[in-house]
N, C-alpha and C. Protein backbone atom coordinates (compact mmCIF):
# COMPACT_ATOMS: atom_id res chain seq x y z
N UNK A 1 0.85 -1.17 0.00
CA UNK A 1 0.00 0.00 0.00
C UNK A 1 0.90 1.23 0.00
N UNK A 2 0.46 2.27 -0.70
CA UNK A 2 1.18 3.53 -0.74
C UNK A 2 0.42 4.57 0.05
N UNK A 3 1.16 5.49 0.71
CA UNK A 3 0.51 6.52 1.49
C UNK A 3 1.34 7.78 1.57
N UNK A 4 0.64 8.91 1.73
CA UNK A 4 1.27 10.21 1.92
C UNK A 4 1.14 10.58 3.39
N UNK A 5 2.25 10.96 4.01
CA UNK A 5 2.25 11.31 5.42
C UNK A 5 1.61 12.68 5.61
N UNK A 6 0.52 12.70 6.38
CA UNK A 6 -0.22 13.94 6.61
C UNK A 6 0.12 14.60 7.94
N UNK A 7 0.32 13.79 8.98
CA UNK A 7 0.49 14.34 10.32
C UNK A 7 1.30 13.39 11.18
N UNK A 8 2.17 13.96 12.03
CA UNK A 8 2.95 13.19 13.01
C UNK A 8 2.64 13.73 14.40
N UNK A 9 2.34 12.82 15.32
CA UNK A 9 2.07 13.22 16.70
C UNK A 9 2.93 12.34 17.61
N UNK A 10 3.65 12.98 18.52
CA UNK A 10 4.47 12.21 19.46
C UNK A 10 3.54 11.47 20.41
N UNK A 11 3.77 10.16 20.55
CA UNK A 11 2.97 9.33 21.44
C UNK A 11 3.71 9.09 22.76
N UNK A 12 5.00 8.87 22.67
CA UNK A 12 5.83 8.65 23.85
C UNK A 12 7.22 9.18 23.54
N UNK A 13 8.18 8.88 24.40
CA UNK A 13 9.54 9.35 24.17
C UNK A 13 10.14 8.79 22.88
N UNK A 14 9.66 7.63 22.46
CA UNK A 14 10.26 6.99 21.29
C UNK A 14 9.29 6.67 20.16
N UNK A 15 8.00 6.85 20.36
CA UNK A 15 7.02 6.43 19.36
C UNK A 15 6.18 7.59 18.82
N UNK A 16 5.68 7.40 17.60
CA UNK A 16 4.85 8.40 16.93
C UNK A 16 3.53 7.78 16.48
N UNK A 17 2.49 8.59 16.47
CA UNK A 17 1.25 8.22 15.78
C UNK A 17 1.25 9.04 14.50
N UNK A 18 1.08 8.35 13.38
CA UNK A 18 1.18 9.00 12.08
C UNK A 18 -0.13 8.84 11.33
N UNK A 19 -0.62 9.94 10.77
CA UNK A 19 -1.80 9.91 9.92
C UNK A 19 -1.33 9.89 8.48
N UNK A 20 -1.87 8.95 7.71
CA UNK A 20 -1.54 8.78 6.30
C UNK A 20 -2.80 8.92 5.47
N UNK A 21 -2.64 9.33 4.23
CA UNK A 21 -3.72 9.15 3.26
C UNK A 21 -3.20 8.16 2.24
N UNK A 22 -3.86 7.00 2.15
CA UNK A 22 -3.36 5.90 1.34
C UNK A 22 -4.23 5.65 0.12
N UNK A 23 -3.65 4.95 -0.82
CA UNK A 23 -4.39 4.58 -2.02
C UNK A 23 -5.42 3.49 -1.74
N UNK A 24 -5.12 2.56 -0.84
CA UNK A 24 -5.97 1.39 -0.63
C UNK A 24 -6.96 1.51 0.52
N UNK A 25 -6.65 2.33 1.53
CA UNK A 25 -7.51 2.39 2.71
C UNK A 25 -7.98 3.80 3.06
N UNK A 26 -7.59 4.80 2.29
CA UNK A 26 -7.97 6.17 2.61
C UNK A 26 -7.15 6.69 3.77
N UNK A 27 -7.80 7.45 4.65
CA UNK A 27 -7.10 8.05 5.80
C UNK A 27 -6.98 7.01 6.91
N UNK A 28 -5.75 6.77 7.34
CA UNK A 28 -5.51 5.81 8.42
C UNK A 28 -4.48 6.39 9.40
N UNK A 29 -4.47 5.82 10.59
CA UNK A 29 -3.46 6.17 11.59
C UNK A 29 -2.63 4.93 11.89
N UNK A 30 -1.33 5.17 12.06
CA UNK A 30 -0.43 4.08 12.43
C UNK A 30 0.42 4.48 13.62
N UNK A 31 0.84 3.47 14.36
CA UNK A 31 1.79 3.66 15.46
C UNK A 31 3.15 3.23 14.93
N UNK A 32 4.12 4.13 15.00
CA UNK A 32 5.50 3.81 14.62
C UNK A 32 6.29 3.65 15.92
N UNK A 33 6.32 2.43 16.41
CA UNK A 33 6.99 2.16 17.69
C UNK A 33 8.50 2.31 17.52
N UNK A 34 9.10 3.06 18.43
CA UNK A 34 10.55 3.26 18.42
C UNK A 34 11.04 4.17 17.31
N UNK A 35 10.17 4.89 16.65
CA UNK A 35 10.57 5.73 15.51
C UNK A 35 11.55 6.83 15.88
N UNK A 36 11.55 7.25 17.14
CA UNK A 36 12.43 8.35 17.56
C UNK A 36 13.74 7.87 18.18
N UNK A 37 13.96 6.57 18.18
CA UNK A 37 15.23 6.04 18.69
C UNK A 37 16.34 6.31 17.67
N UNK A 38 17.57 6.50 18.16
CA UNK A 38 18.67 6.82 17.23
C UNK A 38 18.93 5.76 16.16
N UNK A 39 18.67 4.49 16.44
CA UNK A 39 18.95 3.43 15.47
C UNK A 39 17.67 2.84 14.88
N UNK A 40 16.60 3.62 14.88
CA UNK A 40 15.32 3.15 14.37
C UNK A 40 15.37 2.92 12.85
N UNK A 41 14.73 1.85 12.38
CA UNK A 41 14.65 1.65 10.92
C UNK A 41 13.78 2.71 10.23
N UNK A 42 13.03 3.49 11.02
CA UNK A 42 12.19 4.56 10.47
C UNK A 42 12.93 5.89 10.36
N UNK A 43 14.13 5.96 10.89
CA UNK A 43 14.89 7.21 10.96
C UNK A 43 15.02 7.86 9.57
N UNK A 44 14.56 9.11 9.46
CA UNK A 44 14.64 9.87 8.22
C UNK A 44 13.59 9.52 7.18
N UNK A 45 12.66 8.61 7.51
CA UNK A 45 11.67 8.16 6.54
C UNK A 45 10.26 8.67 6.83
N UNK A 46 10.09 9.37 7.95
CA UNK A 46 8.75 9.79 8.35
C UNK A 46 8.68 11.31 8.47
N UNK A 47 8.55 11.96 7.34
CA UNK A 47 8.47 13.42 7.33
C UNK A 47 7.23 13.84 6.55
N UNK A 48 6.73 15.04 6.84
CA UNK A 48 5.52 15.53 6.19
C UNK A 48 5.65 15.52 4.67
N UNK A 49 4.57 15.17 4.02
CA UNK A 49 4.41 15.15 2.58
C UNK A 49 5.14 13.99 1.89
N UNK A 50 5.88 13.15 2.62
CA UNK A 50 6.55 12.02 1.99
C UNK A 50 5.50 11.05 1.45
N UNK A 51 5.74 10.54 0.25
CA UNK A 51 4.93 9.47 -0.32
C UNK A 51 5.73 8.19 -0.14
N UNK A 52 5.13 7.20 0.54
CA UNK A 52 5.87 6.01 0.94
C UNK A 52 5.13 4.73 0.58
N UNK A 53 5.90 3.67 0.51
CA UNK A 53 5.35 2.32 0.42
C UNK A 53 5.29 1.80 1.86
N UNK A 54 4.13 1.31 2.29
CA UNK A 54 3.90 0.96 3.68
C UNK A 54 3.63 -0.52 3.86
N UNK A 55 4.14 -1.07 4.95
CA UNK A 55 3.78 -2.41 5.38
C UNK A 55 3.21 -2.27 6.79
N UNK A 56 1.95 -2.68 6.97
CA UNK A 56 1.25 -2.49 8.24
C UNK A 56 0.79 -3.82 8.81
N UNK A 57 0.59 -3.82 10.12
CA UNK A 57 -0.19 -4.86 10.78
C UNK A 57 -1.50 -4.20 11.15
N UNK A 58 -2.58 -4.66 10.56
CA UNK A 58 -3.87 -4.03 10.79
C UNK A 58 -4.43 -4.42 12.15
N UNK A 59 -4.91 -3.43 12.87
CA UNK A 59 -5.51 -3.66 14.19
C UNK A 59 -6.93 -4.16 14.02
N UNK A 60 -7.34 -5.05 14.88
CA UNK A 60 -8.71 -5.58 14.82
C UNK A 60 -9.69 -4.74 15.62
N UNK A 61 -9.23 -4.18 16.76
CA UNK A 61 -10.14 -3.50 17.66
C UNK A 61 -9.83 -2.02 17.84
N UNK A 62 -8.95 -1.50 17.03
CA UNK A 62 -8.54 -0.11 17.18
C UNK A 62 -8.43 0.53 15.80
N UNK A 63 -8.48 1.85 15.77
CA UNK A 63 -8.29 2.54 14.50
C UNK A 63 -6.81 2.84 14.25
N UNK A 64 -5.95 2.50 15.21
CA UNK A 64 -4.52 2.75 15.06
C UNK A 64 -3.82 1.42 14.74
N UNK A 65 -3.29 1.34 13.53
CA UNK A 65 -2.60 0.15 13.06
C UNK A 65 -1.11 0.27 13.40
N UNK A 66 -0.36 -0.80 13.26
CA UNK A 66 1.07 -0.79 13.57
C UNK A 66 1.86 -0.70 12.27
N UNK A 67 2.73 0.29 12.20
CA UNK A 67 3.61 0.46 11.05
C UNK A 67 4.79 -0.48 11.21
N UNK A 68 4.98 -1.38 10.25
CA UNK A 68 6.08 -2.35 10.31
C UNK A 68 7.28 -1.90 9.50
N UNK A 69 7.03 -1.49 8.26
CA UNK A 69 8.11 -1.06 7.38
C UNK A 69 7.63 0.11 6.53
N UNK A 70 8.58 0.94 6.15
CA UNK A 70 8.26 2.07 5.27
C UNK A 70 9.46 2.28 4.34
N UNK A 71 9.17 2.52 3.08
CA UNK A 71 10.22 2.92 2.15
C UNK A 71 9.72 4.13 1.37
N UNK A 72 10.59 5.09 1.20
CA UNK A 72 10.23 6.37 0.57
C UNK A 72 10.14 6.20 -0.94
N UNK A 73 9.04 6.68 -1.51
CA UNK A 73 8.87 6.72 -2.96
C UNK A 73 9.18 8.12 -3.50
N UNK A 74 8.68 9.16 -2.82
CA UNK A 74 8.92 10.55 -3.21
C UNK A 74 8.97 11.40 -1.94
N UNK A 75 9.89 12.36 -1.92
CA UNK A 75 10.02 13.22 -0.75
C UNK A 75 9.43 14.61 -0.96
N UNK A 76 9.28 15.05 -2.20
CA UNK A 76 8.80 16.40 -2.51
C UNK A 76 9.61 17.44 -1.73
N UNK A 77 10.92 17.33 -1.78
CA UNK A 77 11.84 18.20 -1.02
C UNK A 77 11.66 19.68 -1.30
N UNK A 78 11.40 20.04 -2.55
CA UNK A 78 11.35 21.46 -2.90
C UNK A 78 10.14 22.18 -2.31
N UNK A 79 9.12 21.41 -1.91
CA UNK A 79 7.97 22.05 -1.25
C UNK A 79 8.43 22.75 0.02
N UNK A 80 9.31 22.10 0.78
CA UNK A 80 9.76 22.63 2.07
C UNK A 80 10.81 23.75 1.94
N UNK A 81 11.24 24.05 0.74
CA UNK A 81 12.23 25.10 0.53
C UNK A 81 11.62 26.48 0.38
N UNK A 82 10.29 26.54 0.30
CA UNK A 82 9.60 27.81 0.09
C UNK A 82 8.41 27.87 1.05
N UNK A 83 8.30 28.93 1.80
CA UNK A 83 7.23 29.04 2.80
C UNK A 83 5.84 28.93 2.18
N UNK A 84 5.60 29.62 1.08
CA UNK A 84 4.27 29.63 0.46
C UNK A 84 3.92 28.22 -0.03
N UNK A 85 4.87 27.54 -0.65
CA UNK A 85 4.60 26.18 -1.12
C UNK A 85 4.28 25.26 0.06
N UNK A 86 5.02 25.40 1.14
CA UNK A 86 4.77 24.59 2.33
C UNK A 86 3.40 24.90 2.92
N UNK A 87 3.04 26.19 2.95
CA UNK A 87 1.74 26.59 3.50
C UNK A 87 0.59 26.05 2.64
N UNK A 88 0.74 26.08 1.33
CA UNK A 88 -0.31 25.56 0.44
C UNK A 88 -0.42 24.05 0.60
N UNK A 89 0.70 23.35 0.66
CA UNK A 89 0.67 21.89 0.86
C UNK A 89 0.00 21.56 2.19
N UNK A 90 0.30 22.34 3.22
CA UNK A 90 -0.32 22.12 4.54
C UNK A 90 -1.82 22.37 4.49
N UNK A 91 -2.24 23.37 3.73
CA UNK A 91 -3.67 23.63 3.56
C UNK A 91 -4.36 22.44 2.88
N UNK A 92 -3.73 21.89 1.85
CA UNK A 92 -4.30 20.73 1.17
C UNK A 92 -4.46 19.56 2.14
N UNK A 93 -3.45 19.34 2.97
CA UNK A 93 -3.50 18.25 3.95
C UNK A 93 -4.63 18.49 4.95
N UNK A 94 -4.72 19.72 5.48
CA UNK A 94 -5.80 20.04 6.43
C UNK A 94 -7.17 19.82 5.81
N UNK A 95 -7.31 20.24 4.57
CA UNK A 95 -8.60 20.11 3.88
C UNK A 95 -8.97 18.64 3.69
N UNK A 96 -8.02 17.83 3.29
CA UNK A 96 -8.28 16.40 3.12
C UNK A 96 -8.62 15.75 4.45
N UNK A 97 -7.92 16.14 5.50
CA UNK A 97 -8.25 15.59 6.83
C UNK A 97 -9.67 15.97 7.24
N UNK A 98 -10.09 17.16 6.88
CA UNK A 98 -11.42 17.65 7.25
C UNK A 98 -12.54 16.92 6.52
N UNK A 99 -12.35 16.62 5.25
CA UNK A 99 -13.46 16.11 4.43
C UNK A 99 -13.46 14.60 4.23
N UNK A 100 -12.48 13.89 4.75
CA UNK A 100 -12.45 12.43 4.55
C UNK A 100 -12.68 11.70 5.86
N UNK A 101 -13.20 10.50 5.74
CA UNK A 101 -13.45 9.63 6.89
C UNK A 101 -12.34 8.58 6.97
N UNK A 102 -12.02 8.11 8.17
CA UNK A 102 -11.02 7.04 8.30
C UNK A 102 -11.47 5.77 7.58
N UNK A 103 -10.50 5.07 7.03
CA UNK A 103 -10.72 3.77 6.37
C UNK A 103 -11.77 3.82 5.28
N UNK A 104 -11.80 4.91 4.54
CA UNK A 104 -12.71 5.05 3.40
C UNK A 104 -11.87 5.44 2.19
N UNK A 105 -11.46 4.44 1.39
CA UNK A 105 -10.54 4.74 0.29
C UNK A 105 -11.21 5.47 -0.87
N UNK A 106 -10.55 6.53 -1.32
CA UNK A 106 -10.94 7.24 -2.53
C UNK A 106 -9.63 7.47 -3.29
N UNK A 107 -9.32 6.57 -4.20
CA UNK A 107 -8.04 6.63 -4.89
C UNK A 107 -7.85 7.93 -5.66
N UNK A 108 -8.96 8.53 -6.11
CA UNK A 108 -8.85 9.80 -6.83
C UNK A 108 -8.31 10.92 -5.94
N UNK A 109 -8.67 10.90 -4.65
CA UNK A 109 -8.14 11.92 -3.73
C UNK A 109 -6.66 11.68 -3.49
N UNK A 110 -6.26 10.43 -3.36
CA UNK A 110 -4.84 10.11 -3.21
C UNK A 110 -4.07 10.62 -4.43
N UNK A 111 -4.59 10.34 -5.63
CA UNK A 111 -3.93 10.80 -6.86
C UNK A 111 -3.91 12.32 -6.94
N UNK A 112 -5.01 12.97 -6.55
CA UNK A 112 -5.07 14.43 -6.54
C UNK A 112 -4.00 15.01 -5.62
N UNK A 113 -3.83 14.44 -4.45
CA UNK A 113 -2.82 14.92 -3.51
C UNK A 113 -1.41 14.76 -4.09
N UNK A 114 -1.14 13.63 -4.72
CA UNK A 114 0.18 13.43 -5.34
C UNK A 114 0.41 14.43 -6.48
N UNK A 115 -0.62 14.67 -7.30
CA UNK A 115 -0.50 15.65 -8.38
C UNK A 115 -0.24 17.04 -7.81
N UNK A 116 -0.97 17.39 -6.75
CA UNK A 116 -0.80 18.72 -6.13
C UNK A 116 0.61 18.87 -5.57
N UNK A 117 1.10 17.85 -4.88
CA UNK A 117 2.45 17.92 -4.32
C UNK A 117 3.50 17.97 -5.44
N UNK A 118 3.27 17.23 -6.51
CA UNK A 118 4.18 17.29 -7.65
C UNK A 118 4.23 18.70 -8.25
N UNK A 119 3.07 19.33 -8.36
CA UNK A 119 3.00 20.69 -8.87
C UNK A 119 3.75 21.64 -7.93
N UNK A 120 3.48 21.55 -6.63
CA UNK A 120 4.12 22.45 -5.66
C UNK A 120 5.63 22.20 -5.57
N UNK A 121 6.05 20.99 -5.90
CA UNK A 121 7.47 20.65 -5.87
C UNK A 121 8.23 21.30 -7.03
N UNK A 122 7.49 21.70 -8.08
CA UNK A 122 8.17 22.25 -9.25
C UNK A 122 7.72 23.66 -9.63
N UNK A 123 6.63 24.15 -9.02
CA UNK A 123 6.09 25.44 -9.44
C UNK A 123 5.64 26.27 -8.24
N UNK A 124 5.57 27.58 -8.47
CA UNK A 124 5.03 28.48 -7.44
C UNK A 124 3.51 28.48 -7.55
N UNK A 125 2.81 28.35 -6.43
CA UNK A 125 1.35 28.34 -6.47
C UNK A 125 0.78 29.74 -6.64
N UNK A 126 -0.48 29.79 -7.07
CA UNK A 126 -1.23 31.03 -7.10
C UNK A 126 -2.64 30.72 -6.58
N UNK A 127 -3.51 31.69 -6.58
CA UNK A 127 -4.86 31.48 -6.04
C UNK A 127 -5.61 30.39 -6.81
N UNK A 128 -5.36 30.30 -8.11
CA UNK A 128 -6.02 29.25 -8.91
C UNK A 128 -5.60 27.85 -8.48
N UNK A 129 -4.39 27.71 -7.95
CA UNK A 129 -3.93 26.41 -7.46
C UNK A 129 -4.87 25.92 -6.36
N UNK A 130 -5.23 26.81 -5.46
CA UNK A 130 -6.10 26.43 -4.34
C UNK A 130 -7.51 26.16 -4.82
N UNK A 131 -8.05 27.04 -5.66
CA UNK A 131 -9.43 26.85 -6.11
C UNK A 131 -9.55 25.61 -6.99
N UNK A 132 -8.54 25.30 -7.79
CA UNK A 132 -8.56 24.08 -8.60
C UNK A 132 -8.57 22.85 -7.70
N UNK A 133 -7.69 22.83 -6.70
CA UNK A 133 -7.63 21.69 -5.78
C UNK A 133 -8.99 21.51 -5.09
N UNK A 134 -9.57 22.59 -4.60
CA UNK A 134 -10.87 22.51 -3.93
C UNK A 134 -11.95 21.98 -4.87
N UNK A 135 -11.93 22.45 -6.10
CA UNK A 135 -12.93 22.03 -7.08
C UNK A 135 -12.80 20.54 -7.39
N UNK A 136 -11.57 20.08 -7.59
CA UNK A 136 -11.35 18.65 -7.86
C UNK A 136 -11.74 17.81 -6.65
N UNK A 137 -11.41 18.27 -5.46
CA UNK A 137 -11.77 17.55 -4.25
C UNK A 137 -13.29 17.44 -4.13
N UNK A 138 -13.99 18.51 -4.43
CA UNK A 138 -15.46 18.48 -4.40
C UNK A 138 -16.01 17.42 -5.35
N UNK A 139 -15.41 17.31 -6.52
CA UNK A 139 -15.84 16.30 -7.48
C UNK A 139 -15.74 14.90 -6.87
N UNK A 140 -14.63 14.63 -6.19
CA UNK A 140 -14.37 13.29 -5.68
C UNK A 140 -15.15 12.96 -4.42
N UNK A 141 -15.65 13.97 -3.73
CA UNK A 141 -16.46 13.69 -2.53
C UNK A 141 -17.94 13.91 -2.78
N UNK A 142 -18.30 14.17 -4.04
CA UNK A 142 -19.71 14.26 -4.41
C UNK A 142 -20.37 15.60 -4.15
N UNK A 143 -19.61 16.68 -4.16
CA UNK A 143 -20.18 18.02 -3.92
C UNK A 143 -20.17 18.89 -5.16
N UNK A 144 -20.10 18.30 -6.33
CA UNK A 144 -20.05 19.11 -7.54
C UNK A 144 -21.44 19.59 -7.92
N UNK A 145 -21.45 20.58 -8.78
CA UNK A 145 -22.66 20.94 -9.46
C UNK A 145 -23.49 22.10 -8.97
N UNK A 146 -23.06 23.00 -8.18
CA UNK A 146 -23.92 24.15 -7.87
C UNK A 146 -23.21 25.42 -8.32
N UNK A 147 -23.90 26.52 -8.18
CA UNK A 147 -23.30 27.80 -8.59
C UNK A 147 -22.32 28.34 -7.56
N UNK A 148 -22.33 27.78 -6.36
CA UNK A 148 -21.40 28.21 -5.32
C UNK A 148 -19.98 27.77 -5.68
N UNK A 149 -19.01 28.47 -5.12
CA UNK A 149 -17.63 28.04 -5.31
C UNK A 149 -17.40 26.73 -4.55
N UNK A 150 -16.34 26.05 -4.89
CA UNK A 150 -16.01 24.80 -4.21
C UNK A 150 -15.81 25.04 -2.71
N UNK A 151 -15.15 26.14 -2.37
CA UNK A 151 -14.93 26.45 -0.95
C UNK A 151 -16.26 26.64 -0.22
N UNK A 152 -17.21 27.31 -0.86
CA UNK A 152 -18.53 27.51 -0.23
C UNK A 152 -19.26 26.18 -0.07
N UNK A 153 -19.12 25.27 -1.04
CA UNK A 153 -19.76 23.96 -0.93
C UNK A 153 -19.15 23.15 0.21
N UNK A 154 -17.83 23.20 0.34
CA UNK A 154 -17.16 22.49 1.43
C UNK A 154 -17.58 23.08 2.77
N UNK A 155 -17.62 24.40 2.86
CA UNK A 155 -18.04 25.07 4.09
C UNK A 155 -19.46 24.68 4.47
N UNK A 156 -20.35 24.66 3.50
CA UNK A 156 -21.74 24.31 3.77
C UNK A 156 -21.88 22.85 4.20
N UNK A 157 -21.13 21.96 3.57
CA UNK A 157 -21.25 20.53 3.87
C UNK A 157 -20.57 20.13 5.16
N UNK A 158 -19.43 20.76 5.49
CA UNK A 158 -18.64 20.32 6.64
C UNK A 158 -18.58 21.34 7.77
N UNK A 159 -19.12 22.53 7.54
CA UNK A 159 -19.20 23.51 8.61
C UNK A 159 -17.97 24.36 8.82
N UNK A 160 -16.88 24.05 8.14
CA UNK A 160 -15.69 24.87 8.28
C UNK A 160 -14.68 24.56 7.18
N UNK A 161 -13.79 25.51 6.98
CA UNK A 161 -12.62 25.36 6.13
C UNK A 161 -11.40 25.60 7.02
N UNK A 162 -10.25 25.06 6.67
CA UNK A 162 -9.05 25.38 7.46
C UNK A 162 -8.84 26.89 7.54
N UNK A 163 -8.47 27.37 8.72
CA UNK A 163 -8.30 28.81 8.95
C UNK A 163 -7.24 29.43 8.04
N UNK A 164 -6.29 28.63 7.63
CA UNK A 164 -5.18 29.16 6.82
C UNK A 164 -5.62 29.60 5.43
N UNK A 165 -6.81 29.22 4.98
CA UNK A 165 -7.25 29.53 3.61
C UNK A 165 -7.27 31.04 3.35
N UNK A 166 -7.87 31.80 4.24
CA UNK A 166 -7.98 33.25 4.04
C UNK A 166 -6.63 33.92 3.89
N UNK A 167 -5.71 33.58 4.76
CA UNK A 167 -4.37 34.15 4.70
C UNK A 167 -3.66 33.74 3.40
N UNK A 168 -3.79 32.45 3.01
CA UNK A 168 -3.17 31.99 1.78
C UNK A 168 -3.71 32.72 0.56
N UNK A 169 -5.03 32.86 0.50
CA UNK A 169 -5.64 33.53 -0.65
C UNK A 169 -5.17 34.99 -0.72
N UNK A 170 -5.00 35.62 0.43
CA UNK A 170 -4.48 36.99 0.46
C UNK A 170 -3.04 37.07 -0.05
N UNK A 171 -2.23 36.08 0.33
CA UNK A 171 -0.83 36.04 -0.11
C UNK A 171 -0.70 35.80 -1.61
N UNK A 172 -1.62 34.98 -2.13
CA UNK A 172 -1.48 34.53 -3.52
C UNK A 172 -2.20 35.40 -4.54
N UNK A 173 -2.93 36.43 -4.10
CA UNK A 173 -3.66 37.29 -5.05
C UNK A 173 -2.73 38.10 -5.89
């Protein structure tokens, strides 16, 4: 299974809980036991926006699975070299976290996220970058087809948009 790392949360002195958006299972959480140890096999492989090949042990009674192995497919390094690109990528991640349910795969959203990160890795974003992403996301979650903007449809359906949107749109105008 392939997944994009969306969020890292420290669980203990040595372990992390990681939120992924995957091609096969949608949004999932994994426990990376010992990931913060100096000789961890995960060392340097668990960073934001990384696209990875994952090997998991699926939990039967919990929503947090165990991460066994990870290998990096794409790092999207250039996103982190520019504040605006990083902020836009973070907005995309927040938006996907807001509108998706755990363990509900939508491969089109996974592909959209990879395309967006690929674009941000090679180009400077503008306001159309955000509105295009929102519009495509609406298509994949079934909110297409009204006269309202994609952002207004998401706001109406989910009750909120990430707070960073307003600031980003102001920066990118």
